[in-house]
Amino acid sequence: MAKILVVDDEADLEVLITQKFRRKIRAGEYSFVFALNGREALDILHEQPDIDMILSDINMPEMDGLTLLSKIKEQNPLLKAVIISAYGDLENIRTAMNRGAFDFITKPVDFQDLEITIEKTLQHINQIKSTLTAMRENNILKMYVDETVLNFMVGKESETSLMENETVEATVAFVDLCGFTKISENEEPNVVVPLLNEYFDLMVREIIEQKGAVDKFIGDAVMAVFKGPDHVERAVRACIAIRDKINELPMYSEKSKFSPKVSIGMNSGEMVSGNIGSRSLKRLDYTVIGDAVNVASRLQNAASPGQILILEKCAEGISDLFNFQKLGEIALKNKAKPVSVLEVVN
């Protein structure tokens, strides 16, 4: 139902409008509210913020229609008003439009023209509301989906193309918050979740600083992907920054005996990037998959608190930028042969 405020000092206008629009009123399409001047209209707008549009005269006592337009523009710039006046000269029309009037109708009123104007105005208002809703939904979506993913989605022209993927050279890092279950066992959920979000926020800032993307949050772990030039170097820098800043944090509480530490596994190589999921359910997850990703996850599982592990072959191009300690060969789950692993020191 569209709620319309009619502002006019002619008392018989209420009866006339109620008669002319009785079918739409009975059908629940229109609801009219009436005020005798601009000041009374402002009071109604304050009490009834769900007013959709205004039909207003110009010449009224206490506050005229043009002043009302200025007040509306200050208080609610999205509210649309149509001026209905016998003073239909060019100066009044221009003044009304400059003060935010959506349209101008001259008296005596042609009610067929008025109905068309009301429908046009309401259609415009609904378009604005739809746009604002889409903007709010988009802002909410951005909280759940990485900007890299959104850019990928927008670039696709059809639903079928969303299922396409590409092979990329990239570095993946798994960052796990070690022993966080200690807090989960001893603290209330309303304490655990905000604290976990604080730790995640610290990690994410360092990932973004090195132009990485958060692929997903997995329990109390983060999966990050670094693509483009120098992706291995940037990934290592992000992981060192995360480890060092987490190490600087104090013990959470004597009750939980929790001192935050992270274990990190990282690996680089060829991987498939794209949407994984069910088209039928319309549920997709934009991610990277492949053996290189699996190895990074296995390295994280093998890492001790405070350790950053990387395959020796991945560190070959950055050996002069960081200090590494050889750990020798390590057998990883579901890998036929052991792999040569380094610890990133600093």
Protein backbone atom coordinates (compact mmCIF):
# COMPACT_ATOMS: atom_id res chain seq x y z
CA MET A 1 0.00 0.00 0.00
CA ALA A 2 1.29 3.45 -0.97
CA LYS A 3 0.86 6.04 1.78
CA ILE A 4 0.29 9.55 0.42
CA LEU A 5 0.24 12.79 2.41
CA VAL A 6 -2.03 15.50 0.94
CA VAL A 7 -1.20 19.03 2.15
CA ASP A 8 -3.83 21.67 1.28
CA ASP A 9 -5.87 24.20 3.26
CA GLU A 10 -9.00 23.51 1.18
CA ALA A 11 -11.11 21.37 3.53
CA ASP A 12 -13.27 19.89 0.76
CA LEU A 13 -10.20 18.45 -1.02
CA GLU A 14 -10.12 15.53 1.40
CA VAL A 15 -13.67 14.51 0.42
CA LEU A 16 -12.91 14.96 -3.27
CA ILE A 17 -9.73 12.84 -3.24
CA THR A 18 -11.38 10.15 -1.12
CA GLN A 19 -14.21 9.92 -3.67
CA LYS A 20 -12.01 9.96 -6.77
CA PHE A 21 -9.63 7.27 -5.45
CA ARG A 22 -12.19 5.19 -3.54
CA ARG A 23 -11.54 2.06 -5.63
CA LYS A 24 -7.79 2.11 -5.01
CA ILE A 25 -8.40 2.87 -1.33
CA ARG A 26 -10.79 -0.09 -1.01
CA ALA A 27 -8.35 -2.31 -2.92
CA GLY A 28 -5.62 -1.40 -0.44
CA GLU A 29 -3.43 0.24 -3.09
CA TYR A 30 -3.56 3.79 -1.70
CA SER A 31 -3.84 5.24 1.78
CA PHE A 32 -4.25 9.01 2.19
CA VAL A 33 -3.31 11.25 5.12
CA PHE A 34 -4.32 14.92 5.15
CA ALA A 35 -2.77 18.11 6.54
CA LEU A 36 -3.98 21.73 6.27
CA ASN A 37 -0.54 23.37 6.00
CA GLY A 38 3.18 22.72 5.84
CA ARG A 39 3.76 22.84 9.57
CA GLU A 40 1.06 20.26 10.23
CA ALA A 41 2.55 18.14 7.43
CA LEU A 42 5.98 18.14 9.11
CA ASP A 43 4.39 16.94 12.35
CA ILE A 44 2.68 14.09 10.48
CA LEU A 45 5.93 13.14 8.74
CA HIS A 46 7.64 12.96 12.12
CA GLU A 47 4.89 10.73 13.53
CA GLN A 48 4.46 8.63 10.39
CA PRO A 49 7.86 8.10 8.73
CA ASP A 50 6.37 5.51 6.35
CA ILE A 51 4.82 8.22 4.13
CA ASP A 52 5.79 7.42 0.51
CA MET A 53 4.98 10.69 -1.26
CA ILE A 54 3.42 14.13 -0.79
CA LEU A 55 0.84 16.08 -2.78
CA SER A 56 1.08 19.73 -1.71
CA ASP A 57 -0.45 23.10 -2.51
CA ILE A 58 1.74 26.23 -2.54
CA ASN A 59 -0.36 28.96 -0.93
CA MET A 60 -1.21 27.89 2.65
CA PRO A 61 -1.21 29.56 6.09
CA GLU A 62 1.60 29.08 8.66
CA MET A 63 3.91 27.34 6.17
CA ASP A 64 3.54 27.38 2.38
CA GLY A 65 4.29 24.52 0.04
CA LEU A 66 7.61 25.87 -1.25
CA THR A 67 8.95 26.21 2.30
CA LEU A 68 7.70 22.70 3.01
CA LEU A 69 9.71 21.43 0.04
CA SER A 70 12.89 22.92 1.51
CA LYS A 71 12.18 21.34 4.90
CA ILE A 72 11.51 17.93 3.33
CA LYS A 73 14.76 18.14 1.36
CA GLU A 74 16.65 18.78 4.61
CA GLN A 75 14.95 16.01 6.60
CA ASN A 76 14.37 13.27 4.01
CA PRO A 77 15.88 13.87 0.56
CA LEU A 78 14.43 10.54 -0.69
CA LEU A 79 10.80 11.59 -0.06
CA LYS A 80 9.17 12.78 -3.30
CA ALA A 81 6.61 15.59 -3.53
CA VAL A 82 4.26 16.69 -6.30
CA ILE A 83 3.05 20.32 -6.18
CA ILE A 84 -0.63 20.93 -6.99
CA SER A 85 -1.34 24.64 -7.32
CA ALA A 86 -3.36 27.26 -9.18
CA TYR A 87 -0.16 29.33 -9.38
CA GLY A 88 1.26 27.48 -12.35
CA ASP A 89 3.47 30.27 -13.69
CA LEU A 90 7.02 29.49 -14.79
CA GLU A 91 8.61 31.14 -11.75
CA ASN A 92 6.67 28.96 -9.26
CA ILE A 93 7.29 25.83 -11.31
CA ARG A 94 11.05 26.50 -11.47
CA THR A 95 11.20 27.35 -7.76
CA ALA A 96 9.33 24.16 -6.87
CA MET A 97 11.51 21.97 -9.06
CA ASN A 98 14.71 23.58 -7.73
CA ARG A 99 13.57 22.82 -4.20
CA GLY A 100 13.09 19.16 -4.99
CA ALA A 101 9.55 18.77 -6.36
CA PHE A 102 9.21 15.66 -8.50
CA ASP A 103 6.39 17.10 -10.64
CA PHE A 104 3.95 20.02 -10.87
CA ILE A 105 0.18 19.87 -11.53
CA THR A 106 -2.01 22.96 -11.99
CA LYS A 107 -5.49 23.52 -10.58
CA PRO A 108 -8.27 22.84 -11.34
CA VAL A 109 -7.05 19.26 -11.01
CA ASP A 110 -7.47 16.77 -13.80
CA PHE A 111 -7.80 13.63 -11.66
CA GLN A 112 -6.88 11.29 -14.49
CA ASP A 113 -3.64 13.24 -14.93
CA LEU A 114 -3.18 13.21 -11.13
CA GLU A 115 -3.53 9.42 -11.00
CA ILE A 116 -0.96 9.00 -13.78
CA THR A 117 1.40 11.37 -11.97
CA ILE A 118 0.97 9.49 -8.67
CA GLU A 119 1.70 6.17 -10.39
CA LYS A 120 4.78 7.62 -12.10
CA THR A 121 6.05 9.08 -8.82
CA LEU A 122 5.49 5.86 -6.88
CA GLN A 123 7.23 3.87 -9.60
CA HIS A 124 10.24 6.19 -9.30
CA ILE A 125 10.19 5.81 -5.50
CA ASN A 126 10.09 2.01 -5.78
CA GLN A 127 13.05 2.08 -8.15
CA ILE A 128 15.03 4.12 -5.61
CA LYS A 129 14.05 1.71 -2.81
CA SER A 130 15.10 -1.27 -4.95
CA THR A 131 18.44 0.37 -5.68
CA LEU A 132 19.05 1.11 -1.99
CA THR A 133 18.10 -2.47 -1.07
CA ALA A 134 20.52 -3.80 -3.68
CA MET A 135 23.26 -1.53 -2.32
CA ARG A 136 22.65 -2.73 1.24
CA GLU A 137 22.64 -6.36 0.08
CA ASN A 138 25.84 -5.75 -1.86
CA ASN A 139 27.51 -4.23 1.21
CA ILE A 140 26.42 -7.23 3.29
CA LEU A 141 27.67 -9.60 0.56
CA LYS A 142 31.07 -7.89 0.65
CA MET A 143 31.36 -8.88 4.32
CA TYR A 144 31.02 -12.54 3.37
CA VAL A 145 32.81 -12.63 0.02
CA ASP A 146 36.31 -11.44 -0.79
CA GLU A 147 36.57 -8.56 -3.27
CA THR A 148 38.61 -10.77 -5.60
CA VAL A 149 35.68 -13.18 -5.77
CA LEU A 150 33.17 -10.40 -6.43
CA ASN A 151 35.29 -9.06 -9.29
CA PHE A 152 35.48 -12.58 -10.73
CA MET A 153 31.69 -13.02 -10.50
CA VAL A 154 30.86 -9.65 -12.06
CA GLY A 155 33.08 -10.45 -15.02
CA LYS A 156 31.00 -13.52 -15.91
CA GLU A 157 28.18 -13.06 -18.40
CA SER A 158 26.14 -16.18 -17.68
CA GLU A 159 25.45 -18.79 -15.03
CA THR A 160 27.30 -21.38 -17.10
CA SER A 161 30.44 -19.23 -17.26
CA LEU A 162 30.49 -19.10 -13.46
CA MET A 163 31.49 -22.78 -13.49
CA GLU A 164 34.54 -22.09 -15.65
CA ASN A 165 37.96 -22.22 -14.01
CA GLU A 166 41.56 -21.32 -14.76
CA THR A 167 44.98 -22.75 -13.97
CA VAL A 168 47.20 -20.32 -12.07
CA GLU A 169 50.61 -20.15 -10.43
CA ALA A 170 50.07 -19.03 -6.85
CA THR A 171 51.07 -19.47 -3.23
CA VAL A 172 48.67 -20.80 -0.62
CA ALA A 173 49.07 -20.40 3.14
CA PHE A 174 47.13 -22.12 5.90
CA VAL A 175 47.31 -20.24 9.22
CA ASP A 176 45.95 -22.11 12.24
CA LEU A 177 45.41 -20.62 15.69
CA CYS A 178 46.96 -23.30 17.88
CA GLY A 179 45.14 -24.64 20.91
CA PHE A 180 42.16 -22.34 20.62
CA THR A 181 39.95 -25.18 21.86
CA LYS A 182 41.29 -24.40 25.35
CA ILE A 183 39.29 -21.19 25.32
CA SER A 184 36.27 -22.90 23.78
CA GLU A 185 36.23 -25.40 26.64
CA ASN A 186 36.52 -22.81 29.43
CA GLU A 187 34.70 -19.72 28.15
CA GLU A 188 31.19 -18.87 27.00
CA PRO A 189 30.53 -18.74 23.22
CA ASN A 190 29.77 -15.00 23.44
CA VAL A 191 33.37 -14.57 24.65
CA VAL A 192 35.00 -17.05 22.26
CA VAL A 193 33.56 -15.72 18.99
CA PRO A 194 34.53 -12.02 19.42
CA LEU A 195 38.03 -13.06 20.53
CA LEU A 196 38.48 -15.34 17.51
CA ASN A 197 37.31 -12.49 15.27
CA GLU A 198 39.96 -10.22 16.80
CA TYR A 199 42.69 -12.74 15.99
CA PHE A 200 41.31 -13.21 12.48
CA ASP A 201 41.22 -9.45 11.94
CA LEU A 202 44.92 -9.20 12.80
CA MET A 203 45.76 -12.01 10.35
CA VAL A 204 43.62 -10.61 7.55
CA ARG A 205 45.20 -7.15 7.77
CA GLU A 206 48.63 -8.66 7.15
CA ILE A 207 47.33 -10.78 4.26
CA ILE A 208 45.73 -7.76 2.60
CA GLU A 209 48.86 -5.68 3.24
CA GLN A 210 50.75 -8.13 1.00
CA LYS A 211 47.97 -8.12 -1.62
CA GLY A 212 46.75 -11.58 -0.73
CA ALA A 213 43.15 -12.77 -0.66
CA VAL A 214 41.36 -14.65 2.10
CA ASP A 215 40.02 -17.80 0.48
CA LYS A 216 38.06 -18.97 3.52
CA PHE A 217 37.93 -19.28 7.29
CA ILE A 218 38.06 -22.90 8.44
CA GLY A 219 37.17 -23.17 12.10
CA ASP A 220 40.02 -21.33 13.81
CA ALA A 221 42.22 -21.29 10.69
CA VAL A 222 42.58 -19.01 7.67
CA MET A 223 43.34 -20.06 4.11
CA ALA A 224 44.99 -17.30 2.07
CA VAL A 225 45.97 -17.16 -1.61
CA PHE A 226 48.63 -14.97 -3.19
CA LYS A 227 48.67 -14.53 -6.97
CA GLY A 228 50.59 -12.35 -9.38
CA PRO A 229 54.21 -11.14 -9.36
CA ASP A 230 56.39 -12.12 -6.37
CA HIS A 231 53.54 -14.17 -4.87
CA VAL A 232 55.93 -16.40 -2.88
CA GLU A 233 57.78 -13.46 -1.36
CA ARG A 234 54.58 -11.63 -0.46
CA ALA A 235 53.09 -14.74 1.10
CA VAL A 236 56.19 -15.30 3.25
CA ARG A 237 56.19 -11.67 4.40
CA ALA A 238 52.52 -11.91 5.37
CA CYS A 239 53.06 -15.14 7.31
CA ILE A 240 56.08 -13.76 9.19
CA ALA A 241 54.10 -10.63 10.13
CA ILE A 242 51.17 -12.74 11.35
CA ARG A 243 53.42 -15.03 13.42
CA ASP A 244 55.35 -12.15 15.00
CA LYS A 245 52.29 -10.06 15.84
CA ILE A 246 50.43 -13.04 17.29
CA ASN A 247 53.51 -13.87 19.38
CA GLU A 248 53.46 -10.35 20.83
CA LEU A 249 49.93 -10.77 22.17
CA PRO A 250 49.59 -11.43 25.91
CA MET A 251 48.11 -14.54 27.50
CA TYR A 252 44.36 -14.32 27.19
CA SER A 253 43.47 -15.29 30.75
CA GLU A 254 44.74 -17.26 33.73
CA LYS A 255 41.55 -19.30 33.58
CA SER A 256 42.13 -20.58 30.05
CA LYS A 257 45.96 -20.48 30.16
CA PHE A 258 45.84 -19.58 26.47
CA SER A 259 48.79 -17.82 24.85
CA PRO A 260 48.01 -17.26 21.16
CA LYS A 261 50.36 -18.93 18.66
CA VAL A 262 49.96 -19.87 15.02
CA SER A 263 51.20 -22.81 13.00
CA ILE A 264 51.58 -22.04 9.31
CA GLY A 265 52.06 -24.20 6.24
CA MET A 266 52.61 -22.68 2.82
CA ASN A 267 53.29 -23.94 -0.67
CA SER A 268 53.37 -22.58 -4.20
CA GLY A 269 52.78 -24.07 -7.60
CA GLU A 270 50.15 -24.72 -10.21
CA MET A 271 46.56 -24.89 -8.99
CA VAL A 272 43.05 -24.61 -10.38
CA SER A 273 41.15 -21.43 -9.47
CA GLY A 274 37.38 -21.17 -9.87
CA ASN A 275 33.96 -21.98 -8.50
CA ILE A 276 33.40 -25.34 -6.84
CA GLY A 277 29.92 -26.44 -5.81
CA SER A 278 26.42 -27.28 -6.98
CA ARG A 279 24.71 -25.35 -9.74
CA SER A 280 21.43 -27.05 -8.81
CA LEU A 281 21.56 -25.72 -5.25
CA LYS A 282 22.96 -22.39 -6.51
CA ARG A 283 25.68 -22.75 -3.89
CA LEU A 284 29.25 -22.11 -5.02
CA ASP A 285 32.59 -21.64 -3.31
CA TYR A 286 35.29 -19.69 -5.13
CA THR A 287 38.57 -21.37 -4.19
CA VAL A 288 41.80 -22.94 -5.39
CA ILE A 289 42.35 -26.69 -5.48
CA GLY A 290 45.18 -28.97 -6.45
CA ASP A 291 48.11 -30.91 -5.06
CA ALA A 292 49.98 -27.71 -4.16
CA VAL A 293 47.06 -26.66 -1.95
CA ASN A 294 46.89 -30.08 -0.28
CA VAL A 295 50.62 -29.95 0.51
CA ALA A 296 50.25 -26.52 2.14
CA SER A 297 47.51 -27.90 4.37
CA ARG A 298 49.63 -30.94 5.30
CA LEU A 299 52.58 -28.65 6.15
CA GLN A 300 50.38 -26.63 8.47
CA ASN A 301 49.33 -29.83 10.26
CA ALA A 302 53.01 -30.75 10.66
CA ALA A 303 54.04 -27.30 11.96
CA SER A 304 54.51 -26.67 15.66
CA PRO A 305 53.15 -23.52 17.37
CA GLY A 306 55.12 -20.55 16.08
CA GLN A 307 56.48 -22.42 13.04
CA ILE A 308 56.16 -21.50 9.37
CA LEU A 309 56.91 -24.43 7.07
CA ILE A 310 57.54 -24.28 3.33
CA LEU A 311 58.89 -26.74 0.76
CA GLU A 312 62.56 -26.23 0.00
CA LYS A 313 61.93 -26.00 -3.74
CA CYS A 314 59.48 -23.12 -3.21
CA ALA A 315 62.09 -21.07 -1.35
CA GLU A 316 64.74 -21.25 -4.08
CA GLY A 317 63.92 -17.85 -5.59
CA ILE A 318 63.77 -16.01 -2.26
CA SER A 319 66.69 -17.58 -0.38
CA ASP A 320 68.53 -14.23 -0.30
CA LEU A 321 65.52 -12.39 1.22
CA PHE A 322 64.75 -14.57 4.26
CA ASN A 323 66.50 -16.86 6.72
CA PHE A 324 65.52 -20.52 6.56
CA GLN A 325 66.35 -23.52 8.66
CA LYS A 326 66.52 -26.94 7.03
CA LEU A 327 64.32 -29.52 8.71
CA GLY A 328 65.17 -32.34 6.32
CA GLU A 329 62.63 -34.63 4.73
CA ILE A 330 59.18 -35.01 6.24
CA ALA A 331 56.55 -37.62 5.36
CA LEU A 332 53.21 -35.96 4.68
CA LYS A 333 49.85 -37.68 4.82
CA ASN A 334 48.76 -39.21 1.49
CA LYS A 335 52.11 -38.34 -0.13
CA ALA A 336 54.06 -41.32 -1.50
CA LYS A 337 57.48 -39.74 -0.98
CA PRO A 338 58.78 -37.53 1.84
CA VAL A 339 59.37 -33.87 0.98
CA SER A 340 62.26 -31.57 1.85
CA VAL A 341 60.99 -28.88 4.24
CA LEU A 342 62.34 -25.55 5.50
CA GLU A 343 61.26 -23.45 8.46
CA VAL A 344 60.98 -19.73 7.79
CA VAL A 345 62.94 -18.07 10.60
CA ASN A 346 62.91 -14.36 9.74
